[in-house]
């Protein structure tokens, strides 16, 4: 396979390789994947021979690091458990122009990587999500499938419908995506944060499909359907609060106001008939709800200004790097 080259030399801020060739990095986070990591490394050495392959061992208790090193990967270690911690460390440490992020469980197809990298470079994209196409029904547990649809649909409604498989662990990024990404998540919710980062900044993105295989014998999934699903839901809530506070707090204000009105209607009817307010506690509750609604709306306005400032800062940092392939 011929080396993938940039059409123009990037701006100095992007710090490209001196040869003008695109610097490719394959990032493989691993926790107890001794059964599959060598196969994954060898697959990407074959399909992306010019790439540097990094395996980040997340405090494994088996021989993951040894097997990865023997297969030709550059092995590094992240002691803090959780995929989010590993991705944060990878994005901080590794310098490249294009990054391929893939799980080390042997379920993703290395043959899709050159196609995704070329599309990112040719179209000047910042992220190519590689959606999973099942090759066997047992490759994807029912709970995971339903959870992915629910969570991907929730993010699509809140931030934009541009991906159908948000939780895929196989993605390709530009340098300016990686170096502007805050990486605040700790676990598997990192995929949600990656997706929202692209959608919030309206980055040019794309999605392609690739086969998704069953885990080989000896490889066990680290994803817990309900525990990690709730964590992802909480992450979505936090990201909405951080990036769309006006929408969230105004919704709360409207709901509180409606509740106060519903409770106040019988009081108003009684007052108009008798001139009395017999249920004083309910009247006080209605007043309190209206006050809370006003406070919620005010918080939404203030936090919206803060969120706008944070978004502008992230956008400026993102623009400090040249577009991929440009």
Protein backbone atom coordinates (compact mmCIF):
# COMPACT_ATOMS: atom_id res chain seq x y z
CA UNK A 1 0.00 0.00 0.00
CA UNK A 2 1.47 3.38 -1.02
CA UNK A 3 2.08 5.92 1.76
CA UNK A 4 -0.81 8.34 2.23
CA UNK A 5 0.48 11.86 1.61
CA UNK A 6 -0.82 15.31 2.47
CA UNK A 7 -1.58 17.45 -0.57
CA UNK A 8 -0.05 20.47 1.11
CA UNK A 9 2.25 20.97 4.03
CA UNK A 10 0.14 21.82 7.11
CA UNK A 11 0.54 25.01 9.08
CA UNK A 12 3.38 25.06 11.65
CA UNK A 13 0.90 24.67 14.48
CA UNK A 14 0.07 21.18 13.30
CA UNK A 15 3.71 20.07 13.55
CA UNK A 16 3.69 17.61 10.63
CA UNK A 17 6.39 15.10 9.88
CA UNK A 18 9.34 16.60 8.01
CA UNK A 19 8.90 14.20 5.08
CA UNK A 20 5.44 15.54 4.19
CA UNK A 21 3.90 12.11 4.66
CA UNK A 22 0.93 11.76 6.95
CA UNK A 23 1.92 10.47 10.35
CA UNK A 24 -0.52 7.70 11.23
CA UNK A 25 -1.01 6.38 14.75
CA UNK A 26 -3.11 3.36 15.67
CA UNK A 27 -4.23 3.59 19.30
CA UNK A 28 -5.33 0.36 20.98
CA UNK A 29 -6.56 0.57 24.60
CA UNK A 30 -6.39 -2.84 26.26
CA UNK A 31 -7.40 -4.46 29.52
CA UNK A 32 -6.81 -8.22 29.79
CA UNK A 33 -6.82 -8.87 26.04
CA UNK A 34 -3.93 -11.34 25.78
CA UNK A 35 -6.09 -13.64 23.64
CA UNK A 36 -6.63 -11.05 20.90
CA UNK A 37 -4.16 -8.16 21.09
CA UNK A 38 -1.45 -9.79 18.93
CA UNK A 39 -4.02 -10.51 16.20
CA UNK A 40 -5.22 -6.89 16.31
CA UNK A 41 -1.69 -5.47 16.12
CA UNK A 42 -0.73 -7.77 13.24
CA UNK A 43 -3.91 -6.84 11.37
CA UNK A 44 -3.15 -3.12 11.50
CA UNK A 45 0.53 -3.66 10.69
CA UNK A 46 -0.70 -5.33 7.51
CA UNK A 47 -3.36 -2.79 6.49
CA UNK A 48 -1.52 0.37 7.65
CA UNK A 49 2.17 -0.56 7.32
CA UNK A 50 3.32 3.06 7.63
CA UNK A 51 1.50 3.61 10.95
CA UNK A 52 2.98 3.50 14.42
CA UNK A 53 0.94 1.17 16.58
CA UNK A 54 0.51 1.96 20.26
CA UNK A 55 -1.00 -0.44 22.76
CA UNK A 56 -1.90 1.16 26.09
CA UNK A 57 -2.15 -1.51 28.76
CA UNK A 58 -4.72 -0.48 31.36
CA UNK A 59 -3.29 -2.32 34.39
CA UNK A 60 -3.96 -5.77 32.94
CA UNK A 61 -3.46 -8.82 35.12
CA UNK A 62 -2.57 -11.09 32.18
CA UNK A 63 0.11 -11.04 29.46
CA UNK A 64 -1.49 -8.37 27.27
CA UNK A 65 1.59 -6.14 27.28
CA UNK A 66 3.97 -9.00 26.45
CA UNK A 67 1.84 -10.26 23.59
CA UNK A 68 1.45 -6.74 22.16
CA UNK A 69 5.19 -6.06 22.30
CA UNK A 70 5.97 -9.40 20.68
CA UNK A 71 3.58 -8.53 17.84
CA UNK A 72 5.46 -5.30 17.16
CA UNK A 73 3.45 -2.66 18.98
CA UNK A 74 4.87 0.13 21.12
CA UNK A 75 3.49 -0.68 24.56
CA UNK A 76 2.72 1.99 27.14
CA UNK A 77 0.91 1.79 30.45
CA UNK A 78 -1.98 3.68 32.08
CA UNK A 79 -2.58 2.61 35.70
CA UNK A 80 -5.93 4.42 36.13
CA UNK A 81 -8.63 1.89 35.24
CA UNK A 82 -11.21 2.89 32.66
CA UNK A 83 -11.23 3.44 28.91
CA UNK A 84 -11.72 7.18 29.36
CA UNK A 85 -8.48 7.44 31.34
CA UNK A 86 -6.63 5.50 28.64
CA UNK A 87 -7.97 7.61 25.76
CA UNK A 88 -7.08 10.81 27.62
CA UNK A 89 -3.51 9.55 28.09
CA UNK A 90 -3.24 8.44 24.45
CA UNK A 91 -4.45 11.75 23.08
CA UNK A 92 -2.06 13.62 25.36
CA UNK A 93 1.05 11.55 24.62
CA UNK A 94 0.89 10.55 20.97
CA UNK A 95 1.81 13.00 18.21
CA UNK A 96 0.41 12.25 14.75
CA UNK A 97 -1.63 13.75 11.91
CA UNK A 98 -4.27 11.01 11.82
CA UNK A 99 -5.31 8.76 14.69
CA UNK A 100 -7.06 5.40 14.41
CA UNK A 101 -8.71 4.39 17.68
CA UNK A 102 -9.77 0.74 17.97
CA UNK A 103 -10.54 -1.70 20.76
CA UNK A 104 -8.13 -4.58 21.29
CA UNK A 105 -10.78 -7.31 21.48
CA UNK A 106 -10.44 -8.54 17.89
CA UNK A 107 -14.03 -7.76 16.88
CA UNK A 108 -13.26 -4.89 14.47
CA UNK A 109 -12.01 -5.31 10.90
CA UNK A 110 -8.56 -3.78 10.20
CA UNK A 111 -9.34 -3.78 6.46
CA UNK A 112 -11.68 -0.79 7.00
CA UNK A 113 -8.92 1.46 8.35
CA UNK A 114 -7.27 2.51 5.03
CA UNK A 115 -10.67 3.37 3.56
CA UNK A 116 -11.59 5.49 6.61
CA UNK A 117 -8.19 7.25 6.66
CA UNK A 118 -8.37 8.08 2.96
CA UNK A 119 -11.88 9.46 3.29
CA UNK A 120 -10.83 11.62 6.23
CA UNK A 121 -7.90 13.05 4.24
CA UNK A 122 -9.61 13.43 0.87
CA UNK A 123 -12.70 15.16 2.31
CA UNK A 124 -10.90 17.11 5.04
CA UNK A 125 -12.91 15.46 7.81
CA UNK A 126 -12.19 15.49 11.52
CA UNK A 127 -13.83 12.20 12.44
CA UNK A 128 -14.88 9.05 10.62
CA UNK A 129 -17.01 6.74 12.72
CA UNK A 130 -16.86 3.09 11.67
CA UNK A 131 -20.31 1.66 12.35
CA UNK A 132 -20.64 -2.02 13.17
CA UNK A 133 -22.21 -4.41 10.68
CA UNK A 134 -22.82 -7.73 12.40
CA UNK A 135 -21.40 -10.84 10.76
CA UNK A 136 -23.16 -13.05 13.34
CA UNK A 137 -26.16 -12.36 15.56
CA UNK A 138 -24.23 -13.49 18.63
CA UNK A 139 -21.52 -10.88 18.00
CA UNK A 140 -23.71 -8.19 19.52
CA UNK A 141 -25.61 -8.93 22.73
CA UNK A 142 -29.31 -7.98 22.67
CA UNK A 143 -28.98 -5.64 25.65
CA UNK A 144 -26.04 -3.87 24.05
CA UNK A 145 -27.89 -3.54 20.73
CA UNK A 146 -31.01 -2.02 22.32
CA UNK A 147 -28.96 0.22 24.59
CA UNK A 148 -26.92 1.51 21.66
CA UNK A 149 -30.07 2.39 19.73
CA UNK A 150 -31.58 4.18 22.72
CA UNK A 151 -28.45 6.15 23.59
CA UNK A 152 -27.53 6.98 20.00
CA UNK A 153 -31.11 8.13 19.39
CA UNK A 154 -31.04 10.32 22.50
CA UNK A 155 -27.82 12.04 21.42
CA UNK A 156 -29.20 12.43 17.88
CA UNK A 157 -32.28 14.26 19.17
CA UNK A 158 -30.28 16.49 21.48
CA UNK A 159 -27.16 17.27 19.43
CA UNK A 160 -27.81 16.23 15.81
CA UNK A 161 -28.55 13.06 13.85
CA UNK A 162 -25.24 12.32 12.09
CA UNK A 163 -24.29 8.87 13.42
CA UNK A 164 -26.19 5.60 13.69
CA UNK A 165 -23.64 3.75 15.87
CA UNK A 166 -22.31 6.28 18.36
CA UNK A 167 -20.86 3.64 20.70
CA UNK A 168 -18.61 1.98 18.14
CA UNK A 169 -15.07 1.65 19.49
CA UNK A 170 -13.56 2.07 16.01
CA UNK A 171 -13.00 5.66 14.89
CA UNK A 172 -10.52 7.77 12.90
CA UNK A 173 -9.65 11.33 13.99
CA UNK A 174 -7.74 14.31 12.70
CA UNK A 175 -5.04 15.93 14.80
CA UNK A 176 -7.15 19.00 15.42
CA UNK A 177 -9.97 16.84 16.81
CA UNK A 178 -7.64 14.99 19.18
CA UNK A 179 -5.79 18.03 20.46
CA UNK A 180 -8.98 20.03 21.08
CA UNK A 181 -10.79 17.19 22.85
CA UNK A 182 -11.05 17.69 26.65
CA UNK A 183 -11.46 13.96 27.48
CA UNK A 184 -13.22 14.21 30.85
CA UNK A 185 -14.85 10.77 30.95
CA UNK A 186 -13.45 7.84 32.92
CA UNK A 187 -15.01 4.73 31.36
CA UNK A 188 -16.93 3.54 28.31
CA UNK A 189 -18.88 6.80 28.23
CA UNK A 190 -15.86 8.24 26.39
CA UNK A 191 -17.49 7.31 23.03
CA UNK A 192 -20.45 9.55 23.90
CA UNK A 193 -18.12 12.41 24.78
CA UNK A 194 -16.19 11.97 21.51
CA UNK A 195 -19.43 12.09 19.51
CA UNK A 196 -20.82 15.14 21.29
CA UNK A 197 -17.50 16.99 20.88
CA UNK A 198 -17.77 16.57 17.10
CA UNK A 199 -21.46 17.52 17.01
CA UNK A 200 -21.14 20.49 19.37
CA UNK A 201 -18.42 22.13 17.24
CA UNK A 202 -20.21 21.17 13.98
CA UNK A 203 -17.10 19.39 12.71
CA UNK A 204 -17.05 17.75 9.28
CA UNK A 205 -17.64 14.06 9.99
CA UNK A 206 -18.67 10.88 8.19
CA UNK A 207 -19.66 7.32 8.98
CA UNK A 208 -18.85 4.12 7.14
CA UNK A 209 -19.71 0.48 7.84
CA UNK A 210 -17.39 -2.42 8.55
CA UNK A 211 -17.90 -6.04 9.67
CA UNK A 212 -18.20 -6.67 13.40
CA UNK A 213 -17.18 -10.15 14.47
CA UNK A 214 -17.71 -12.32 17.50
CA UNK A 215 -15.12 -12.18 20.24
CA UNK A 216 -12.54 -14.95 19.84
CA UNK A 217 -12.43 -17.68 22.45
CA UNK A 218 -10.77 -16.45 25.63
CA UNK A 219 -11.80 -12.80 25.16
CA UNK A 220 -14.42 -11.46 27.56
CA UNK A 221 -16.38 -8.20 27.22
CA UNK A 222 -15.60 -5.57 29.86
CA UNK A 223 -18.85 -3.66 29.16
CA UNK A 224 -21.64 -4.06 31.72
CA UNK A 225 -24.99 -3.43 30.02
CA UNK A 226 -26.88 -1.70 32.84
CA UNK A 227 -24.06 -0.12 34.86
CA UNK A 228 -22.29 1.37 31.85
CA UNK A 229 -25.62 2.23 30.22
CA UNK A 230 -26.59 4.36 33.22
CA UNK A 231 -23.16 5.96 33.19
CA UNK A 232 -23.61 6.91 29.55
CA UNK A 233 -27.08 8.32 30.27
CA UNK A 234 -25.61 10.40 33.09
CA UNK A 235 -22.84 11.57 30.75
CA UNK A 236 -25.45 12.67 28.21
CA UNK A 237 -27.25 14.64 30.93
CA UNK A 238 -24.01 16.30 32.05
CA UNK A 239 -23.07 17.18 28.46
CA UNK A 240 -26.52 18.72 27.90
CA UNK A 241 -26.09 20.73 31.10
CA UNK A 242 -22.65 21.90 30.02
CA UNK A 243 -23.34 22.63 26.36
CA UNK A 244 -27.09 23.46 26.32
CA UNK A 245 -27.87 24.89 29.78
CA UNK A 246 -30.52 27.33 28.53
CA UNK A 247 -32.49 24.48 26.95
CA UNK A 248 -32.25 22.37 30.11
CA UNK A 249 -32.99 25.04 32.71
CA UNK A 250 -35.75 26.70 30.67
CA UNK A 251 -37.43 23.29 30.38
CA UNK A 252 -37.25 22.92 34.17
CA UNK A 253 -38.63 26.45 34.58
CA UNK A 254 -41.58 25.72 32.29
CA UNK A 255 -42.39 22.47 34.12
CA UNK A 256 -42.27 24.17 37.52
CA UNK A 257 -44.48 26.99 36.27
CA UNK A 258 -47.04 24.56 34.83
CA UNK A 259 -47.13 22.63 38.12
CA UNK A 260 -47.66 25.88 40.05
CA UNK A 261 -50.50 26.88 37.70
CA UNK A 262 -52.23 23.49 38.03
CA UNK A 263 -52.06 23.68 41.83
CA UNK A 264 -53.18 27.32 41.86
CA UNK A 265 -56.29 26.95 39.69
CA UNK A 266 -58.56 25.58 42.52
CA UNK A 267 -57.23 28.28 44.87
CA UNK A 268 -58.05 31.02 42.38
CA UNK A 269 -61.54 29.63 41.80
CA UNK A 270 -62.23 29.51 45.56
CA UNK A 271 -60.84 33.03 46.04
CA UNK A 272 -63.05 34.43 43.25
CA UNK A 273 -66.15 32.79 44.80
CA UNK A 274 -65.53 33.48 48.49
CA UNK A 275 -62.71 36.00 48.70
CA UNK A 276 -60.83 33.53 50.92
CA UNK A 277 -57.68 31.40 50.52
CA UNK A 278 -58.51 28.35 52.67
CA UNK A 279 -55.46 26.23 51.67
CA UNK A 280 -52.59 28.51 52.64
CA UNK A 281 -49.87 25.78 52.44
CA UNK A 282 -50.79 25.11 48.80
CA UNK A 283 -50.64 28.84 48.07
CA UNK A 284 -47.18 29.02 49.63
CA UNK A 285 -46.11 25.96 47.60
CA UNK A 286 -47.30 27.61 44.38
CA UNK A 287 -45.37 30.77 45.24
CA UNK A 288 -42.27 28.73 45.94
CA UNK A 289 -42.57 26.86 42.65
CA UNK A 290 -42.83 30.12 40.71
CA UNK A 291 -39.76 31.48 42.51
CA UNK A 292 -37.84 28.28 41.68
CA UNK A 293 -38.94 28.58 38.05
CA UNK A 294 -37.62 32.15 37.90
CA UNK A 295 -34.32 31.05 39.47
CA UNK A 296 -34.03 28.17 37.01
CA UNK A 297 -34.60 30.48 34.06
CA UNK A 298 -32.04 32.96 35.40
CA UNK A 299 -29.49 30.16 35.88
CA UNK A 300 -30.14 29.06 32.31
CA UNK A 301 -29.39 32.54 30.96
CA UNK A 302 -26.19 32.91 32.99
CA UNK A 303 -24.90 29.41 32.27
CA UNK A 304 -25.72 29.80 28.57
CA UNK A 305 -23.29 32.74 28.42
CA UNK A 306 -20.65 30.65 30.21
CA UNK A 307 -21.24 27.70 27.86
CA UNK A 308 -20.94 29.99 24.84
CA UNK A 309 -17.58 31.25 26.10
CA UNK A 310 -16.35 27.68 26.63
CA UNK A 311 -17.54 26.68 23.17
CA UNK A 312 -15.77 29.65 21.59
CA UNK A 313 -12.56 28.72 23.42
CA UNK A 314 -12.75 25.11 22.22
CA UNK A 315 -13.48 26.30 18.69
CA UNK A 316 -10.46 28.61 18.69
CA UNK A 317 -8.22 25.81 20.00
CA UNK A 318 -9.61 23.51 17.31
CA UNK A 319 -8.85 26.12 14.62
CA UNK A 320 -5.23 26.37 15.80
CA UNK A 321 -4.56 23.22 13.75
CA UNK A 322 -4.84 22.85 9.99
CA UNK A 323 -7.48 20.69 8.38
CA UNK A 324 -6.42 17.11 7.58
CA UNK A 325 -5.10 16.68 4.06
CA UNK A 326 -5.00 20.42 3.46
